[in-house]
C-alpha cells in the first residue's frame, strides 16, 4: 500500500537531487556518507533535540 508521501516522491523523482548530510565529529564537520558502517548505525540512533530559551 502506497502512502500519499510515496506518491508525491514518485511524481517528483526527476526533480530530486542528492543531499549530503554533515555532522560535527571531533571538532570539524564531516559528511555522514563517508562514515564506516558502525558509525552510520550510531548516527541513525542519535536523539535529536532543540534547545529552549531560559526564562
PDB file of N, CA and C in Angstrom:
ATOM      1  N   UNK A   1       0.840  -1.194   0.000  1.00  0.00           N
ATOM      2  CA  UNK A   1       0.000   0.000   0.000  1.00  0.00           C
ATOM      3  C   UNK A   1       0.882   1.253   0.000  1.00  0.00           C
ATOM      4  N   UNK A   2       0.641   2.128  -0.946  1.00  0.00           N
ATOM      5  CA  UNK A   2       1.432   3.354  -1.044  1.00  0.00           C
ATOM      6  C   UNK A   2       0.748   4.482  -0.290  1.00  0.00           C
ATOM      7  N   UNK A   3       1.546   5.210   0.430  1.00  0.00           N
ATOM      8  CA  UNK A   3       1.018   6.361   1.146  1.00  0.00           C
ATOM      9  C   UNK A   3       1.063   7.586   0.230  1.00  0.00           C
ATOM     10  N   UNK A   4       0.480   8.644   0.681  1.00  0.00           N
ATOM     11  CA  UNK A   4       0.482   9.902  -0.076  1.00  0.00           C
ATOM     12  C   UNK A   4       1.921  10.393  -0.276  1.00  0.00           C
ATOM     13  N   UNK A   5       2.759  10.195   0.735  1.00  0.00           N
ATOM     14  CA  UNK A   5       4.158  10.621   0.630  1.00  0.00           C
ATOM     15  C   UNK A   5       4.872   9.866  -0.482  1.00  0.00           C
ATOM     16  N   UNK A   6       4.647   8.539  -0.568  1.00  0.00           N
ATOM     17  CA  UNK A   6       5.276   7.748  -1.624  1.00  0.00           C
ATOM     18  C   UNK A   6       4.841   8.234  -3.004  1.00  0.00           C
ATOM     19  N   UNK A   7       3.576   8.571  -3.148  1.00  0.00           N
ATOM     20  CA  UNK A   7       3.073   9.052  -4.433  1.00  0.00           C
ATOM     21  C   UNK A   7       3.746  10.362  -4.832  1.00  0.00           C
ATOM     22  N   UNK A   8       3.871  11.269  -3.879  1.00  0.00           N
ATOM     23  CA  UNK A   8       4.493  12.561  -4.148  1.00  0.00           C
ATOM     24  C   UNK A   8       5.959  12.378  -4.533  1.00  0.00           C
ATOM     25  N   UNK A   9       6.677  11.492  -3.825  1.00  0.00           N
ATOM     26  CA  UNK A   9       8.083  11.248  -4.134  1.00  0.00           C
ATOM     27  C   UNK A   9       8.250  10.658  -5.529  1.00  0.00           C
ATOM     28  N   UNK A  10       7.382   9.734  -5.896  1.00  0.00           N
ATOM     29  CA  UNK A  10       7.462   9.139  -7.230  1.00  0.00           C
ATOM     30  C   UNK A  10       7.170  10.160  -8.320  1.00  0.00           C
ATOM     31  N   UNK A  11       6.195  11.018  -8.102  1.00  0.00           N
ATOM     32  CA  UNK A  11       5.831  12.029  -9.099  1.00  0.00           C
ATOM     33  C   UNK A  11       6.958  13.035  -9.311  1.00  0.00           C
ATOM     34  N   UNK A  12       7.725  13.317  -8.265  1.00  0.00           N
ATOM     35  CA  UNK A  12       8.773  14.337  -8.343  1.00  0.00           C
ATOM     36  C   UNK A  12      10.175  13.749  -8.416  1.00  0.00           C
ATOM     37  N   UNK A  13      10.300  12.484  -8.783  1.00  0.00           N
ATOM     38  CA  UNK A  13      11.599  11.811  -8.823  1.00  0.00           C
ATOM     39  C   UNK A  13      12.604  12.554  -9.706  1.00  0.00           C
ATOM     40  N   UNK A  14      12.184  13.066 -10.831  1.00  0.00           N
ATOM     41  CA  UNK A  14      13.095  13.753 -11.753  1.00  0.00           C
ATOM     42  C   UNK A  14      13.629  15.066 -11.173  1.00  0.00           C
ATOM     43  N   UNK A  15      12.909  15.675 -10.256  1.00  0.00           N
ATOM     44  CA  UNK A  15      13.315  16.958  -9.674  1.00  0.00           C
ATOM     45  C   UNK A  15      14.222  16.791  -8.455  1.00  0.00           C
ATOM     46  N   UNK A  16      14.312  15.558  -7.936  1.00  0.00           N
ATOM     47  CA  UNK A  16      15.074  15.329  -6.716  1.00  0.00           C
ATOM     48  C   UNK A  16      16.569  15.305  -6.998  1.00  0.00           C
ATOM     49  N   UNK A  17      17.361  15.678  -5.999  1.00  0.00           N
ATOM     50  CA  UNK A  17      18.814  15.621  -6.107  1.00  0.00           C
ATOM     51  C   UNK A  17      19.378  15.063  -4.804  1.00  0.00           C
ATOM     52  N   UNK A  18      20.605  14.601  -4.862  1.00  0.00           N
ATOM     53  CA  UNK A  18      21.246  14.017  -3.699  1.00  0.00           C
ATOM     54  C   UNK A  18      21.541  15.106  -2.674  1.00  0.00           C
ATOM     55  N   UNK A  19      21.293  14.792  -1.424  1.00  0.00           N
ATOM     56  CA  UNK A  19      21.522  15.729  -0.333  1.00  0.00           C
ATOM     57  C   UNK A  19      22.608  15.163   0.573  1.00  0.00           C
ATOM     58  N   UNK A  20      23.669  15.927   0.802  1.00  0.00           N
ATOM     59  CA  UNK A  20      24.719  15.492   1.711  1.00  0.00           C
ATOM     60  C   UNK A  20      24.390  15.961   3.115  1.00  0.00           C
ATOM     61  N   UNK A  21      24.470  15.058   4.062  1.00  0.00           N
ATOM     62  CA  UNK A  21      24.220  15.373   5.465  1.00  0.00           C
ATOM     63  C   UNK A  21      25.572  15.423   6.165  1.00  0.00           C
ATOM     64  N   UNK A  22      25.846  16.528   6.819  1.00  0.00           N
ATOM     65  CA  UNK A  22      27.091  16.698   7.564  1.00  0.00           C
ATOM     66  C   UNK A  22      26.798  16.656   9.054  1.00  0.00           C
ATOM     67  N   UNK A  23      27.755  16.156   9.809  1.00  0.00           N
ATOM     68  CA  UNK A  23      27.636  16.170  11.255  1.00  0.00           C
ATOM     69  C   UNK A  23      28.985  16.559  11.839  1.00  0.00           C
ATOM     70  N   UNK A  24      28.966  17.060  13.042  1.00  0.00           N
ATOM     71  CA  UNK A  24      30.195  17.513  13.678  1.00  0.00           C
ATOM     72  C   UNK A  24      30.864  16.330  14.367  1.00  0.00           C
ATOM     73  N   UNK A  25      32.111  16.064  13.989  1.00  0.00           N
ATOM     74  CA  UNK A  25      32.876  14.963  14.562  1.00  0.00           C
ATOM     75  C   UNK A  25      34.234  15.492  14.998  1.00  0.00           C
ATOM     76  N   UNK A  26      34.552  15.346  16.261  1.00  0.00           N
ATOM     77  CA  UNK A  26      35.858  15.740  16.789  1.00  0.00           C
ATOM     78  C   UNK A  26      36.239  17.167  16.401  1.00  0.00           C
ATOM     79  N   UNK A  27      35.292  18.078  16.473  1.00  0.00           N
ATOM     80  CA  UNK A  27      35.596  19.487  16.243  1.00  0.00           C
ATOM     81  C   UNK A  27      35.499  19.973  14.813  1.00  0.00           C
ATOM     82  N   UNK A  28      35.186  19.105  13.863  1.00  0.00           N
ATOM     83  CA  UNK A  28      35.033  19.556  12.487  1.00  0.00           C
ATOM     84  C   UNK A  28      33.847  18.860  11.843  1.00  0.00           C
ATOM     85  N   UNK A  29      33.341  19.401  10.745  1.00  0.00           N
ATOM     86  CA  UNK A  29      32.164  18.845  10.074  1.00  0.00           C
ATOM     87  C   UNK A  29      32.594  17.846   9.007  1.00  0.00           C
ATOM     88  N   UNK A  30      31.838  16.747   8.925  1.00  0.00           N
ATOM     89  CA  UNK A  30      32.193  15.660   8.019  1.00  0.00           C
ATOM     90  C   UNK A  30      30.917  15.058   7.448  1.00  0.00           C
ATOM     91  N   UNK A  31      30.898  14.686   6.153  1.00  0.00           N
ATOM     92  CA  UNK A  31      29.693  14.089   5.574  1.00  0.00           C
ATOM     93  C   UNK A  31      29.436  12.695   6.149  1.00  0.00           C
ATOM     94  N   UNK A  32      28.182  12.409   6.471  1.00  0.00           N
ATOM     95  CA  UNK A  32      27.798  11.135   7.050  1.00  0.00           C
ATOM     96  C   UNK A  32      28.075   9.985   6.076  1.00  0.00           C
ATOM     97  N   UNK A  33      27.955  10.228   4.771  1.00  0.00           N
ATOM     98  CA  UNK A  33      28.161   9.143   3.801  1.00  0.00           C
ATOM     99  C   UNK A  33      29.586   8.602   3.819  1.00  0.00           C
ATOM    100  N   UNK A  34      30.537   9.353   4.386  1.00  0.00           N
ATOM    101  CA  UNK A  34      31.917   8.870   4.440  1.00  0.00           C
ATOM    102  C   UNK A  34      32.185   8.020   5.691  1.00  0.00           C
ATOM    103  N   UNK A  35      31.191   7.874   6.569  1.00  0.00           N
ATOM    104  CA  UNK A  35      31.340   7.072   7.777  1.00  0.00           C
ATOM    105  C   UNK A  35      31.406   5.591   7.434  1.00  0.00           C
ATOM    106  N   UNK A  36      32.053   4.804   8.301  1.00  0.00           N
ATOM    107  CA  UNK A  36      32.015   3.352   8.142  1.00  0.00           C
ATOM    108  C   UNK A  36      30.644   2.855   8.629  1.00  0.00           C
ATOM    109  N   UNK A  37      30.347   1.577   8.419  1.00  0.00           N
ATOM    110  CA  UNK A  37      29.006   1.047   8.701  1.00  0.00           C
ATOM    111  C   UNK A  37      28.622   1.189  10.182  1.00  0.00           C
ATOM    112  N   UNK A  38      29.584   1.007  11.076  1.00  0.00           N
ATOM    113  CA  UNK A  38      29.294   1.144  12.504  1.00  0.00           C
ATOM    114  C   UNK A  38      28.936   2.565  12.891  1.00  0.00           C
ATOM    115  N   UNK A  39      29.682   3.521  12.374  1.00  0.00           N
ATOM    116  CA  UNK A  39      29.434   4.935  12.682  1.00  0.00           C
ATOM    117  C   UNK A  39      28.114   5.399  12.070  1.00  0.00           C
ATOM    118  N   UNK A  40      27.755   4.883  10.868  1.00  0.00           N
ATOM    119  CA  UNK A  40      26.461   5.227  10.267  1.00  0.00           C
ATOM    120  C   UNK A  40      25.316   4.746  11.146  1.00  0.00           C
ATOM    121  N   UNK A  41      25.434   3.527  11.684  1.00  0.00           N
ATOM    122  CA  UNK A  41      24.402   2.999  12.581  1.00  0.00           C
ATOM    123  C   UNK A  41      24.284   3.836  13.839  1.00  0.00           C
ATOM    124  N   UNK A  42      25.426   4.236  14.392  1.00  0.00           N
ATOM    125  CA  UNK A  42      25.432   5.084  15.579  1.00  0.00           C
ATOM    126  C   UNK A  42      24.757   6.424  15.291  1.00  0.00           C
ATOM    127  N   UNK A  43      25.028   6.983  14.116  1.00  0.00           N
ATOM    128  CA  UNK A  43      24.439   8.263  13.737  1.00  0.00           C
ATOM    129  C   UNK A  43      22.915   8.162  13.647  1.00  0.00           C
ATOM    130  N   UNK A  44      22.394   7.038  13.124  1.00  0.00           N
ATOM    131  CA  UNK A  44      20.945   6.851  12.999  1.00  0.00           C
ATOM    132  C   UNK A  44      20.264   6.729  14.360  1.00  0.00           C
ATOM    133  N   UNK A  45      20.984   6.250  15.368  1.00  0.00           N
ATOM    134  CA  UNK A  45      20.407   6.048  16.692  1.00  0.00           C
ATOM    135  C   UNK A  45      20.439   7.299  17.558  1.00  0.00           C
ATOM    136  N   UNK A  46      21.098   8.340  17.115  1.00  0.00           N
ATOM    137  CA  UNK A  46      21.197   9.565  17.916  1.00  0.00           C
ATOM    138  C   UNK A  46      19.834  10.189  18.150  1.00  0.00           C
ATOM    139  N   UNK A  47      19.691  10.787  19.306  1.00  0.00           N
ATOM    140  CA  UNK A  47      18.476  11.503  19.647  1.00  0.00           C
ATOM    141  C   UNK A  47      18.700  12.984  19.371  1.00  0.00           C
ATOM    142  N   UNK A  48      17.849  13.570  18.533  1.00  0.00           N
ATOM    143  CA  UNK A  48      17.985  14.987  18.209  1.00  0.00           C
ATOM    144  C   UNK A  48      17.102  15.806  19.153  1.00  0.00           C
ATOM    145  N   UNK A  49      17.553  16.973  19.510  1.00  0.00           N
ATOM    146  CA  UNK A  49      16.801  17.829  20.416  1.00  0.00           C
ATOM    147  C   UNK A  49      16.963  19.287  19.998  1.00  0.00           C
ATOM    148  N   UNK A  50      16.066  20.107  20.509  1.00  0.00           N
ATOM    149  CA  UNK A  50      16.154  21.545  20.284  1.00  0.00           C
ATOM    150  C   UNK A  50      16.310  22.225  21.645  1.00  0.00           C
ATOM    151  N   UNK A  51      17.230  23.144  21.707  1.00  0.00           N
ATOM    152  CA  UNK A  51      17.421  23.878  22.957  1.00  0.00           C
ATOM    153  C   UNK A  51      16.309  24.900  23.119  1.00  0.00           C
ATOM    154  N   UNK A  52      15.872  25.082  24.333  1.00  0.00           N
ATOM    155  CA  UNK A  52      14.865  26.104  24.608  1.00  0.00           C
ATOM    156  C   UNK A  52      15.554  27.285  25.282  1.00  0.00           C
ATOM    157  N   UNK A  53      14.940  28.421  25.183  1.00  0.00           N
ATOM    158  CA  UNK A  53      15.486  29.641  25.771  1.00  0.00           C
ATOM    159  C   UNK A  53      15.168  29.657  27.259  1.00  0.00           C
ATOM    160  N   UNK A  54      16.165  29.943  28.072  1.00  0.00           N
ATOM    161  CA  UNK A  54      15.956  30.041  29.511  1.00  0.00           C
ATOM    162  C   UNK A  54      15.182  31.323  29.814  1.00  0.00           C
ATOM    163  N   UNK A  55      14.278  31.230  30.756  1.00  0.00           N
ATOM    164  CA  UNK A  55      13.491  32.416  31.129  1.00  0.00           C
ATOM    165  C   UNK A  55      13.876  32.914  32.479  1.00  0.00           C
TER     166      UNK A  55
END
